[in-house]
Amino acid sequence: MKIRFLLDENLSKQIKFAVLRLNPSVDILGVGEPNAPDFGTLDPEILIYVETSQRLLITDNRKSMPEHLEAHWAVGRTIWGLFWVRPQTSIGKLADNIYLFWETSEAEEWINVVDWIPF
């Protein structure tokens, strides 16, 4: 199954447009869009959403997300992957990396994997 992505609300919406310019078939949503969590949705609810919708979360939230992720796992839940965005990463570089992961891997490879993007 191809990776489906969710961009956390603090990330630029330009990332989505840059990815879709590379390939309009990539399934990528941002918080606040239709069929995605609303702006202001709390981290625990975001994690449940990405689990149930089978989406890999892309976030720069390294302040509160780690503890919520640990709590999510502690009760036996899963995620379909999480990418921490490295500070100062350009939109173009981020879009290229998201597209590369979409093109070269399957969603199942990222279950419960947390990594940095770009590598």
Protein backbone atom coordinates (compact mmCIF):
# COMPACT_ATOMS: atom_id res chain seq x y z
CA MET A 1 0.00 0.00 0.00
CA LYS A 2 1.31 3.47 -0.87
CA ILE A 3 2.09 5.82 2.00
CA ARG A 4 -0.59 8.36 2.86
CA PHE A 5 0.60 11.47 4.68
CA LEU A 6 -0.74 13.98 7.19
CA LEU A 7 1.05 17.31 7.66
CA ASP A 8 0.78 18.70 11.17
CA GLU A 9 -0.86 22.10 11.44
CA ASN A 10 2.34 24.03 12.14
CA LEU A 11 3.88 23.05 8.81
CA SER A 12 3.48 25.21 5.72
CA LYS A 13 0.68 24.27 3.36
CA GLN A 14 3.17 24.99 0.58
CA ILE A 15 4.74 21.61 1.36
CA LYS A 16 1.62 19.84 0.13
CA PHE A 17 1.53 21.87 -3.08
CA ALA A 18 5.23 21.21 -3.71
CA VAL A 19 4.71 17.45 -3.27
CA LEU A 20 1.70 17.44 -5.56
CA ARG A 21 3.67 19.29 -8.24
CA LEU A 22 6.11 16.36 -8.19
CA ASN A 23 3.27 13.84 -8.46
CA PRO A 24 -0.43 14.66 -8.09
CA SER A 25 -1.15 11.04 -7.10
CA VAL A 26 0.47 11.42 -3.66
CA ASP A 27 -2.20 11.23 -0.93
CA ILE A 28 -1.26 14.09 1.38
CA LEU A 29 -3.53 16.06 3.70
CA GLY A 30 -2.91 18.86 6.13
CA VAL A 31 -4.56 19.37 9.48
CA GLY A 32 -7.50 21.72 8.96
CA GLU A 33 -8.45 20.36 5.54
CA PRO A 34 -11.63 18.40 4.78
CA ASN A 35 -11.32 14.76 5.91
CA ALA A 36 -8.46 15.68 8.25
CA PRO A 37 -8.46 16.73 11.91
CA ASP A 38 -9.46 20.31 12.63
CA PHE A 39 -6.96 23.01 13.56
CA GLY A 40 -6.30 22.84 17.27
CA THR A 41 -6.83 19.08 17.53
CA LEU A 42 -4.79 17.78 20.44
CA ASP A 43 -1.80 15.50 19.85
CA PRO A 44 -3.42 12.34 21.28
CA GLU A 45 -6.34 12.76 18.88
CA ILE A 46 -3.95 13.38 15.95
CA LEU A 47 -2.21 10.10 16.78
CA ILE A 48 -5.51 8.22 16.86
CA TYR A 49 -6.46 9.81 13.53
CA VAL A 50 -3.20 8.79 11.82
CA GLU A 51 -3.57 5.29 13.24
CA THR A 52 -7.14 4.77 12.07
CA SER A 53 -6.66 6.51 8.72
CA GLN A 54 -3.33 4.75 8.11
CA ARG A 55 -1.42 7.97 7.52
CA LEU A 56 2.20 8.79 8.26
CA LEU A 57 2.46 11.97 10.34
CA ILE A 58 4.94 14.67 9.35
CA THR A 59 5.55 17.13 12.17
CA ASP A 60 8.00 19.55 13.68
CA ASN A 61 6.38 19.23 17.12
CA ARG A 62 9.22 17.88 19.21
CA LYS A 63 7.94 19.58 22.36
CA SER A 64 4.71 17.75 23.24
CA MET A 65 4.42 14.99 20.63
CA PRO A 66 7.10 12.65 22.08
CA GLU A 67 5.29 12.18 25.39
CA HIS A 68 1.94 11.71 23.63
CA LEU A 69 3.50 9.18 21.27
CA GLU A 70 4.91 7.20 24.21
CA ALA A 71 1.47 7.22 25.88
CA HIS A 72 -0.13 6.10 22.60
CA TRP A 73 2.23 3.14 22.37
CA ALA A 74 1.91 2.36 26.10
CA VAL A 75 -1.74 1.41 25.64
CA GLY A 76 -0.95 -0.86 22.68
CA ARG A 77 -1.78 1.52 19.85
CA THR A 78 0.23 1.93 16.65
CA ILE A 79 1.10 4.61 14.14
CA TRP A 80 1.83 4.39 10.42
CA GLY A 81 5.08 6.25 10.87
CA LEU A 82 6.18 9.66 12.02
CA PHE A 83 8.73 11.96 10.42
CA TRP A 84 10.25 14.77 12.49
CA VAL A 85 11.10 17.66 10.18
CA ARG A 86 14.65 18.87 10.69
CA PRO A 87 14.86 22.57 11.53
CA GLN A 88 15.66 24.91 8.64
CA THR A 89 14.66 22.36 5.98
CA SER A 90 13.49 24.09 2.81
CA ILE A 91 10.06 23.34 1.40
CA GLY A 92 11.63 22.00 -1.79
CA LYS A 93 13.95 19.63 0.05
CA LEU A 94 11.11 18.43 2.26
CA ALA A 95 8.83 17.88 -0.73
CA ASP A 96 11.56 15.94 -2.56
CA ASN A 97 12.06 13.67 0.46
CA ILE A 98 8.34 13.05 0.97
CA TYR A 99 8.00 12.15 -2.69
CA LEU A 100 11.06 9.89 -2.51
CA PHE A 101 9.58 7.95 0.43
CA TRP A 102 6.23 7.69 -1.34
CA GLU A 103 7.87 6.44 -4.54
CA THR A 104 10.33 3.96 -3.01
CA SER A 105 8.61 2.41 0.01
CA GLU A 106 5.34 0.96 1.17
CA ALA A 107 3.21 2.19 4.07
CA GLU A 108 3.63 -1.04 6.02
CA GLU A 109 7.40 -0.46 6.23
CA TRP A 110 6.81 2.59 8.42
CA ILE A 111 4.47 1.12 11.06
CA ASN A 112 5.69 2.39 14.45
CA VAL A 113 8.83 3.88 12.88
CA VAL A 114 9.93 7.37 13.90
CA ASP A 115 12.65 9.06 11.89
CA TRP A 116 13.98 12.44 10.77
CA ILE A 117 13.29 14.00 7.41
CA PRO A 118 15.43 14.65 5.52
CA PHE A 119 17.72 11.82 6.61
